[in-house]
Amino acid sequence: AADASQTTSVCTGSLLLAKAGLLKGRRATTHWDALDLLASLDTDINVDRNSRYVDDGIITSAGVSAGIDMAFYVVERHCGREVADETAHYIDYPRPD
């Protein structure tokens, strides 16, 4: 992950990132049922309990469905809003404005 151009996690994947020390000093989120566990793994992680996804250098998402929103965020970031919107339209996924 240290050499990756983009690191992301969906749901409780953030727990693995935390165990690897990659979330130290960062804001992150995870599935609602694992928020306390994430906080207990490293007190230097700023656990965001209210966001569907968080980008603080490493992008983490809450539950699995929040991972879809995170994926569109990544597509938009790399390819632009138009491509993200076209992709959402193609798969019939309603994106929030």
N, C-alpha and C. Protein backbone atom coordinates (compact mmCIF):
# COMPACT_ATOMS: atom_id res chain seq x y z
N ALA A 1 0.82 -1.20 0.00
CA ALA A 1 0.00 0.00 0.00
C ALA A 1 0.86 1.26 0.00
N ALA A 2 2.03 1.18 0.57
CA ALA A 2 2.89 2.36 0.62
C ALA A 2 3.31 2.83 -0.77
N ASP A 3 3.41 1.90 -1.71
CA ASP A 3 3.82 2.25 -3.07
C ASP A 3 2.64 2.43 -4.01
N ALA A 4 1.43 2.20 -3.53
CA ALA A 4 0.23 2.30 -4.37
C ALA A 4 -0.09 3.76 -4.67
N SER A 5 -0.63 4.00 -5.86
CA SER A 5 -1.05 5.36 -6.19
C SER A 5 -2.38 5.68 -5.53
N GLN A 6 -3.15 4.66 -5.20
CA GLN A 6 -4.46 4.85 -4.54
C GLN A 6 -4.73 3.63 -3.67
N THR A 7 -5.04 3.86 -2.41
CA THR A 7 -5.42 2.78 -1.51
C THR A 7 -6.82 3.04 -1.02
N THR A 8 -7.68 2.03 -1.13
CA THR A 8 -9.06 2.14 -0.67
C THR A 8 -9.43 0.90 0.12
N SER A 9 -10.48 1.02 0.92
CA SER A 9 -11.04 -0.16 1.58
C SER A 9 -12.55 0.01 1.67
N VAL A 10 -13.22 -1.11 1.64
CA VAL A 10 -14.67 -1.14 1.76
C VAL A 10 -15.02 -1.89 3.04
N CYS A 11 -15.96 -1.36 3.78
CA CYS A 11 -16.50 -2.00 4.98
C CYS A 11 -15.36 -2.23 5.99
N THR A 12 -15.24 -3.44 6.51
CA THR A 12 -14.26 -3.71 7.56
C THR A 12 -12.84 -3.89 7.03
N GLY A 13 -12.63 -3.65 5.75
CA GLY A 13 -11.27 -3.65 5.22
C GLY A 13 -10.39 -2.63 5.92
N SER A 14 -11.01 -1.59 6.46
CA SER A 14 -10.24 -0.57 7.19
C SER A 14 -9.57 -1.15 8.43
N LEU A 15 -10.13 -2.23 8.97
CA LEU A 15 -9.50 -2.86 10.13
C LEU A 15 -8.13 -3.43 9.75
N LEU A 16 -8.03 -4.00 8.56
CA LEU A 16 -6.74 -4.52 8.09
C LEU A 16 -5.75 -3.39 7.87
N LEU A 17 -6.23 -2.28 7.30
CA LEU A 17 -5.36 -1.12 7.11
C LEU A 17 -4.87 -0.59 8.46
N ALA A 18 -5.76 -0.58 9.44
CA ALA A 18 -5.39 -0.11 10.78
C ALA A 18 -4.34 -1.03 11.40
N LYS A 19 -4.54 -2.34 11.28
CA LYS A 19 -3.59 -3.30 11.85
C LYS A 19 -2.22 -3.15 11.18
N ALA A 20 -2.21 -2.75 9.92
CA ALA A 20 -0.94 -2.55 9.21
C ALA A 20 -0.31 -1.20 9.52
N GLY A 21 -1.01 -0.38 10.32
CA GLY A 21 -0.48 0.93 10.70
C GLY A 21 -0.69 2.02 9.65
N LEU A 22 -1.49 1.73 8.63
CA LEU A 22 -1.65 2.68 7.53
C LEU A 22 -2.64 3.80 7.81
N LEU A 23 -3.44 3.66 8.87
CA LEU A 23 -4.43 4.70 9.18
C LEU A 23 -3.99 5.62 10.32
N LYS A 24 -2.81 5.38 10.86
CA LYS A 24 -2.30 6.21 11.96
C LYS A 24 -2.29 7.68 11.55
N GLY A 25 -2.92 8.52 12.36
CA GLY A 25 -2.96 9.95 12.11
C GLY A 25 -3.94 10.36 11.02
N ARG A 26 -4.75 9.43 10.56
CA ARG A 26 -5.71 9.73 9.49
C ARG A 26 -7.14 9.61 10.00
N ARG A 27 -8.03 10.24 9.25
CA ARG A 27 -9.47 10.08 9.47
C ARG A 27 -9.91 8.88 8.64
N ALA A 28 -10.77 8.03 9.20
CA ALA A 28 -11.21 6.82 8.50
C ALA A 28 -12.57 6.39 9.02
N THR A 29 -13.22 5.52 8.26
CA THR A 29 -14.49 4.96 8.69
C THR A 29 -14.53 3.48 8.37
N THR A 30 -15.59 2.83 8.82
CA THR A 30 -15.81 1.40 8.59
C THR A 30 -17.28 1.10 8.82
N HIS A 31 -17.64 -0.15 8.73
CA HIS A 31 -19.02 -0.57 9.00
C HIS A 31 -19.43 -0.11 10.40
N TRP A 32 -20.68 0.29 10.56
CA TRP A 32 -21.14 0.85 11.84
C TRP A 32 -20.89 -0.08 13.02
N ASP A 33 -20.94 -1.39 12.77
CA ASP A 33 -20.77 -2.35 13.87
C ASP A 33 -19.30 -2.55 14.24
N ALA A 34 -18.38 -1.98 13.47
CA ALA A 34 -16.96 -2.14 13.73
C ALA A 34 -16.27 -0.82 14.08
N LEU A 35 -17.05 0.25 14.25
CA LEU A 35 -16.45 1.56 14.54
C LEU A 35 -15.66 1.55 15.85
N ASP A 36 -16.23 0.95 16.89
CA ASP A 36 -15.51 0.90 18.17
C ASP A 36 -14.25 0.05 18.07
N LEU A 37 -14.34 -1.05 17.32
CA LEU A 37 -13.16 -1.89 17.13
C LEU A 37 -12.07 -1.12 16.39
N LEU A 38 -12.44 -0.40 15.36
CA LEU A 38 -11.45 0.41 14.62
C LEU A 38 -10.79 1.41 15.56
N ALA A 39 -11.59 2.08 16.38
CA ALA A 39 -11.05 3.06 17.33
C ALA A 39 -10.11 2.40 18.33
N SER A 40 -10.41 1.17 18.72
CA SER A 40 -9.58 0.48 19.71
C SER A 40 -8.26 -0.03 19.14
N LEU A 41 -8.17 -0.18 17.84
CA LEU A 41 -6.95 -0.71 17.23
C LEU A 41 -5.80 0.29 17.26
N ASP A 42 -6.13 1.58 17.23
CA ASP A 42 -5.09 2.61 17.23
C ASP A 42 -5.74 3.93 17.64
N THR A 43 -5.33 4.46 18.76
CA THR A 43 -5.93 5.71 19.25
C THR A 43 -5.56 6.91 18.37
N ASP A 44 -4.61 6.73 17.45
CA ASP A 44 -4.23 7.82 16.54
C ASP A 44 -5.08 7.87 15.28
N ILE A 45 -6.08 6.98 15.18
CA ILE A 45 -7.01 7.02 14.05
C ILE A 45 -8.19 7.90 14.46
N ASN A 46 -8.53 8.87 13.63
CA ASN A 46 -9.69 9.72 13.86
C ASN A 46 -10.89 9.04 13.19
N VAL A 47 -11.65 8.28 13.97
CA VAL A 47 -12.75 7.49 13.43
C VAL A 47 -13.95 8.39 13.14
N ASP A 48 -14.35 8.43 11.89
CA ASP A 48 -15.51 9.20 11.45
C ASP A 48 -16.72 8.28 11.50
N ARG A 49 -17.63 8.56 12.41
CA ARG A 49 -18.79 7.71 12.64
C ARG A 49 -20.01 8.12 11.82
N ASN A 50 -19.88 9.16 11.01
CA ASN A 50 -21.06 9.70 10.33
C ASN A 50 -20.96 9.77 8.81
N SER A 51 -19.85 9.41 8.24
CA SER A 51 -19.68 9.55 6.79
C SER A 51 -19.78 8.20 6.09
N ARG A 52 -20.26 8.23 4.84
CA ARG A 52 -20.34 7.01 4.03
C ARG A 52 -18.96 6.62 3.51
N TYR A 53 -18.13 7.61 3.25
CA TYR A 53 -16.74 7.34 2.89
C TYR A 53 -15.90 8.54 3.31
N VAL A 54 -14.61 8.29 3.49
CA VAL A 54 -13.68 9.31 3.97
C VAL A 54 -12.43 9.25 3.10
N ASP A 55 -11.94 10.40 2.68
CA ASP A 55 -10.69 10.47 1.93
C ASP A 55 -9.70 11.32 2.73
N ASP A 56 -8.76 10.64 3.35
CA ASP A 56 -7.68 11.32 4.06
C ASP A 56 -6.35 10.71 3.60
N GLY A 57 -6.17 10.69 2.29
CA GLY A 57 -4.98 10.06 1.72
C GLY A 57 -5.20 8.59 1.41
N ILE A 58 -5.91 7.91 2.28
CA ILE A 58 -6.42 6.56 2.06
C ILE A 58 -7.93 6.69 2.13
N ILE A 59 -8.63 6.09 1.18
CA ILE A 59 -10.08 6.23 1.13
C ILE A 59 -10.72 5.00 1.77
N THR A 60 -11.55 5.23 2.79
CA THR A 60 -12.25 4.14 3.46
C THR A 60 -13.75 4.38 3.35
N SER A 61 -14.50 3.28 3.29
CA SER A 61 -15.96 3.43 3.24
C SER A 61 -16.58 2.71 4.42
N ALA A 62 -17.81 3.10 4.70
CA ALA A 62 -18.58 2.45 5.77
C ALA A 62 -18.96 1.05 5.28
N GLY A 63 -20.22 0.70 5.28
CA GLY A 63 -20.63 -0.63 4.86
C GLY A 63 -20.44 -0.88 3.38
N VAL A 64 -20.82 -2.08 2.95
CA VAL A 64 -20.63 -2.50 1.57
C VAL A 64 -21.34 -1.56 0.59
N SER A 65 -22.57 -1.17 0.89
CA SER A 65 -23.28 -0.28 -0.04
C SER A 65 -22.62 1.09 -0.11
N ALA A 66 -22.01 1.54 0.96
CA ALA A 66 -21.27 2.80 0.93
C ALA A 66 -20.05 2.68 0.03
N GLY A 67 -19.57 1.47 -0.16
CA GLY A 67 -18.46 1.24 -1.07
C GLY A 67 -18.80 1.60 -2.50
N ILE A 68 -20.08 1.50 -2.87
CA ILE A 68 -20.51 1.90 -4.22
C ILE A 68 -20.33 3.41 -4.38
N ASP A 69 -20.78 4.16 -3.37
CA ASP A 69 -20.61 5.62 -3.42
C ASP A 69 -19.12 5.99 -3.45
N MET A 70 -18.32 5.26 -2.67
CA MET A 70 -16.89 5.51 -2.66
C MET A 70 -16.29 5.24 -4.04
N ALA A 71 -16.73 4.18 -4.69
CA ALA A 71 -16.22 3.84 -6.02
C ALA A 71 -16.53 4.95 -7.02
N PHE A 72 -17.74 5.51 -6.94
CA PHE A 72 -18.07 6.62 -7.84
C PHE A 72 -17.24 7.86 -7.51
N TYR A 73 -16.94 8.08 -6.25
CA TYR A 73 -16.05 9.18 -5.86
C TYR A 73 -14.68 9.00 -6.52
N VAL A 74 -14.16 7.77 -6.49
CA VAL A 74 -12.85 7.50 -7.08
C VAL A 74 -12.90 7.67 -8.60
N VAL A 75 -13.96 7.17 -9.24
CA VAL A 75 -14.11 7.34 -10.69
C VAL A 75 -14.14 8.82 -11.04
N GLU A 76 -14.94 9.59 -10.29
CA GLU A 76 -15.04 11.02 -10.56
C GLU A 76 -13.70 11.71 -10.37
N ARG A 77 -12.99 11.34 -9.36
CA ARG A 77 -11.69 11.95 -9.07
C ARG A 77 -10.68 11.70 -10.19
N HIS A 78 -10.71 10.49 -10.74
CA HIS A 78 -9.73 10.12 -11.76
C HIS A 78 -10.20 10.41 -13.19
N CYS A 79 -11.51 10.35 -13.42
CA CYS A 79 -12.03 10.45 -14.80
C CYS A 79 -12.99 11.61 -15.02
N GLY A 80 -13.39 12.29 -13.94
CA GLY A 80 -14.30 13.42 -14.06
C GLY A 80 -15.75 13.07 -13.77
N ARG A 81 -16.49 14.12 -13.47
CA ARG A 81 -17.90 13.98 -13.09
C ARG A 81 -18.74 13.35 -14.21
N GLU A 82 -18.47 13.76 -15.44
CA GLU A 82 -19.27 13.26 -16.56
C GLU A 82 -19.15 11.73 -16.69
N VAL A 83 -17.95 11.21 -16.59
CA VAL A 83 -17.76 9.76 -16.68
C VAL A 83 -18.44 9.05 -15.51
N ALA A 84 -18.31 9.60 -14.32
CA ALA A 84 -18.96 9.00 -13.15
C ALA A 84 -20.48 9.00 -13.32
N ASP A 85 -21.03 10.11 -13.80
CA ASP A 85 -22.48 10.19 -14.02
C ASP A 85 -22.94 9.23 -15.11
N GLU A 86 -22.18 9.13 -16.19
CA GLU A 86 -22.53 8.20 -17.27
C GLU A 86 -22.50 6.75 -16.78
N THR A 87 -21.51 6.43 -15.97
CA THR A 87 -21.40 5.09 -15.42
C THR A 87 -22.58 4.78 -14.52
N ALA A 88 -22.93 5.73 -13.67
CA ALA A 88 -24.08 5.54 -12.78
C ALA A 88 -25.36 5.35 -13.59
N HIS A 89 -25.52 6.14 -14.63
CA HIS A 89 -26.70 6.01 -15.49
C HIS A 89 -26.73 4.63 -16.14
N TYR A 90 -25.60 4.18 -16.63
CA TYR A 90 -25.52 2.90 -17.31
C TYR A 90 -25.94 1.74 -16.40
N ILE A 91 -25.56 1.80 -15.14
CA ILE A 91 -25.92 0.71 -14.22
C ILE A 91 -27.18 1.03 -13.42
N ASP A 92 -27.84 2.14 -13.79
CA ASP A 92 -29.10 2.55 -13.15
C ASP A 92 -28.93 2.75 -11.65
N TYR A 93 -27.86 3.48 -11.30
CA TYR A 93 -27.57 3.77 -9.89
C TYR A 93 -27.79 5.26 -9.64
N PRO A 94 -28.69 5.60 -8.73
CA PRO A 94 -28.95 7.03 -8.45
C PRO A 94 -27.84 7.62 -7.57
N ARG A 95 -27.11 8.58 -8.12
CA ARG A 95 -26.07 9.26 -7.36
C ARG A 95 -26.65 10.48 -6.68
N PRO A 96 -26.28 10.70 -5.42
CA PRO A 96 -26.72 11.95 -4.77
C PRO A 96 -26.02 13.13 -5.42
N ASP A 97 -26.66 14.27 -5.43
CA ASP A 97 -26.07 15.48 -6.02
C ASP A 97 -24.99 16.05 -5.15
